[in-house]
Amino acid sequence: MNIDLQKKRALVCGSTQGIGKAVAIALAELECNVTLLARNENVLKEVVKELPSFAGQQHDYIVGDFAFPQELKQKVAQYIDEKMQYIF
């Protein structure tokens, strides 16, 4: 199966370890622009550096915690407003 994810964007939760990190790497390998979401900013910065990056790919992260859903919702909405308005 051929999946073309070039110029697509994915938000991957729990992306600093385990399945979340593996999914983020797999999506990046398929040339998807990946936004990581997790609690620890230092680890997020390291994982962003580890993601495969081809021509034009831009990976990013959001620091957030599902224990605080309203705050997380606000951060994701703000991210979309600020960073993704130029993509659409």
C-alpha atoms as a PDB file:
ATOM      1  CA  MET A   1       0.000   0.000   0.000  1.00  0.00           C
ATOM      2  CA  ASN A   2       1.309   3.426  -0.938  1.00  0.00           C
ATOM      3  CA  ILE A   3       0.385   6.190   1.518  1.00  0.00           C
ATOM      4  CA  ASP A   4       1.318   9.701   0.450  1.00  0.00           C
ATOM      5  CA  LEU A   5       1.644  11.933   3.504  1.00  0.00           C
ATOM      6  CA  GLN A   6       3.782  14.642   1.923  1.00  0.00           C
ATOM      7  CA  LYS A   7       2.617  18.087   3.018  1.00  0.00           C
ATOM      8  CA  LYS A   8       0.233  16.528   5.564  1.00  0.00           C
ATOM      9  CA  ARG A   9       0.410  17.339   9.260  1.00  0.00           C
ATOM     10  CA  ALA A  10      -0.092  14.991  12.222  1.00  0.00           C
ATOM     11  CA  LEU A  11      -0.466  15.698  15.931  1.00  0.00           C
ATOM     12  CA  VAL A  12       0.913  12.773  17.945  1.00  0.00           C
ATOM     13  CA  CYS A  13       0.081  12.602  21.643  1.00  0.00           C
ATOM     14  CA  GLY A  14       2.342  10.894  24.167  1.00  0.00           C
ATOM     15  CA  SER A  15       5.078  11.171  21.595  1.00  0.00           C
ATOM     16  CA  THR A  16       8.227  11.168  23.719  1.00  0.00           C
ATOM     17  CA  GLN A  17       8.335   7.425  24.366  1.00  0.00           C
ATOM     18  CA  GLY A  18       6.875   4.066  23.457  1.00  0.00           C
ATOM     19  CA  ILE A  19       4.149   3.736  20.850  1.00  0.00           C
ATOM     20  CA  GLY A  20       3.639   7.497  20.552  1.00  0.00           C
ATOM     21  CA  LYS A  21       7.270   8.074  19.682  1.00  0.00           C
ATOM     22  CA  ALA A  22       7.275   5.143  17.248  1.00  0.00           C
ATOM     23  CA  VAL A  23       4.187   6.533  15.506  1.00  0.00           C
ATOM     24  CA  ALA A  24       5.782   9.992  15.260  1.00  0.00           C
ATOM     25  CA  ILE A  25       8.932   8.526  13.698  1.00  0.00           C
ATOM     26  CA  ALA A  26       6.916   6.390  11.265  1.00  0.00           C
ATOM     27  CA  LEU A  27       4.849   9.387  10.157  1.00  0.00           C
ATOM     28  CA  ALA A  28       7.984  11.491   9.705  1.00  0.00           C
ATOM     29  CA  GLU A  29       9.522   8.699   7.598  1.00  0.00           C
ATOM     30  CA  LEU A  30       6.430   8.934   5.374  1.00  0.00           C
ATOM     31  CA  GLU A  31       7.274  12.650   4.938  1.00  0.00           C
ATOM     32  CA  CYS A  32       4.487  13.923   7.174  1.00  0.00           C
ATOM     33  CA  ASN A  33       5.061  17.102   9.195  1.00  0.00           C
ATOM     34  CA  VAL A  34       4.775  15.962  12.807  1.00  0.00           C
ATOM     35  CA  THR A  35       3.742  17.952  15.872  1.00  0.00           C
ATOM     36  CA  LEU A  36       4.594  16.152  19.093  1.00  0.00           C
ATOM     37  CA  LEU A  37       2.501  16.546  22.256  1.00  0.00           C
ATOM     38  CA  ALA A  38       3.732  15.578  25.726  1.00  0.00           C
ATOM     39  CA  ARG A  39       4.452  17.008  29.179  1.00  0.00           C
ATOM     40  CA  ASN A  40       8.239  17.245  29.230  1.00  0.00           C
ATOM     41  CA  GLU A  41       9.612  20.034  27.028  1.00  0.00           C
ATOM     42  CA  ASN A  42      13.230  18.909  27.320  1.00  0.00           C
ATOM     43  CA  VAL A  43      12.381  15.435  26.051  1.00  0.00           C
ATOM     44  CA  LEU A  44      10.147  16.899  23.323  1.00  0.00           C
ATOM     45  CA  LYS A  45      13.076  18.967  22.065  1.00  0.00           C
ATOM     46  CA  GLU A  46      15.240  15.840  21.864  1.00  0.00           C
ATOM     47  CA  VAL A  47      12.607  13.769  20.065  1.00  0.00           C
ATOM     48  CA  VAL A  48      12.001  16.532  17.490  1.00  0.00           C
ATOM     49  CA  LYS A  49      15.726  16.360  16.679  1.00  0.00           C
ATOM     50  CA  GLU A  50      15.461  12.571  16.220  1.00  0.00           C
ATOM     51  CA  LEU A  51      12.619  12.717  13.690  1.00  0.00           C
ATOM     52  CA  PRO A  52      13.595  12.016  10.100  1.00  0.00           C
ATOM     53  CA  SER A  53      13.356  15.176   8.043  1.00  0.00           C
ATOM     54  CA  PHE A  54      13.220  15.339   4.282  1.00  0.00           C
ATOM     55  CA  ALA A  55      13.107  18.398   2.038  1.00  0.00           C
ATOM     56  CA  GLY A  56      10.663  20.914   3.431  1.00  0.00           C
ATOM     57  CA  GLN A  57       9.440  18.924   6.435  1.00  0.00           C
ATOM     58  CA  GLN A  58       8.867  20.947   9.578  1.00  0.00           C
ATOM     59  CA  HIS A  59       8.414  19.191  12.902  1.00  0.00           C
ATOM     60  CA  ASP A  60       7.264  20.949  16.046  1.00  0.00           C
ATOM     61  CA  TYR A  61       5.937  20.259  19.541  1.00  0.00           C
ATOM     62  CA  ILE A  62       3.347  21.362  22.073  1.00  0.00           C
ATOM     63  CA  VAL A  63       3.922  21.030  25.807  1.00  0.00           C
ATOM     64  CA  GLY A  64       0.715  19.849  27.437  1.00  0.00           C
ATOM     65  CA  ASP A  65      -0.773  17.484  29.988  1.00  0.00           C
ATOM     66  CA  PHE A  66      -4.043  15.557  29.591  1.00  0.00           C
ATOM     67  CA  ALA A  67      -4.541  15.904  33.358  1.00  0.00           C
ATOM     68  CA  PHE A  68      -5.499  19.516  32.587  1.00  0.00           C
ATOM     69  CA  PRO A  69      -7.867  19.194  29.597  1.00  0.00           C
ATOM     70  CA  GLN A  70      -9.008  22.810  29.433  1.00  0.00           C
ATOM     71  CA  GLU A  71      -5.431  24.089  29.429  1.00  0.00           C
ATOM     72  CA  LEU A  72      -4.480  21.505  26.808  1.00  0.00           C
ATOM     73  CA  LYS A  73      -7.435  22.461  24.623  1.00  0.00           C
ATOM     74  CA  GLN A  74      -6.374  26.115  24.834  1.00  0.00           C
ATOM     75  CA  LYS A  75      -2.755  25.312  23.927  1.00  0.00           C
ATOM     76  CA  VAL A  76      -3.736  23.236  20.913  1.00  0.00           C
ATOM     77  CA  ALA A  77      -6.178  25.901  19.710  1.00  0.00           C
ATOM     78  CA  GLN A  78      -3.517  28.587  20.140  1.00  0.00           C
ATOM     79  CA  TYR A  79      -0.995  26.455  18.246  1.00  0.00           C
ATOM     80  CA  ILE A  80      -3.426  26.029  15.363  1.00  0.00           C
ATOM     81  CA  ASP A  81      -4.193  29.752  15.290  1.00  0.00           C
ATOM     82  CA  GLU A  82      -0.547  30.842  15.401  1.00  0.00           C
ATOM     83  CA  LYS A  83       1.366  28.185  13.515  1.00  0.00           C
ATOM     84  CA  MET A  84      -1.023  26.611  11.090  1.00  0.00           C
ATOM     85  CA  GLN A  85      -2.885  29.569   9.655  1.00  0.00           C
ATOM     86  CA  TYR A  86      -0.285  29.792   6.906  1.00  0.00           C
ATOM     87  CA  ILE A  87      -0.598  26.136   5.947  1.00  0.00           C
ATOM     88  CA  PHE A  88      -4.218  26.166   4.804  1.00  0.00           C
END
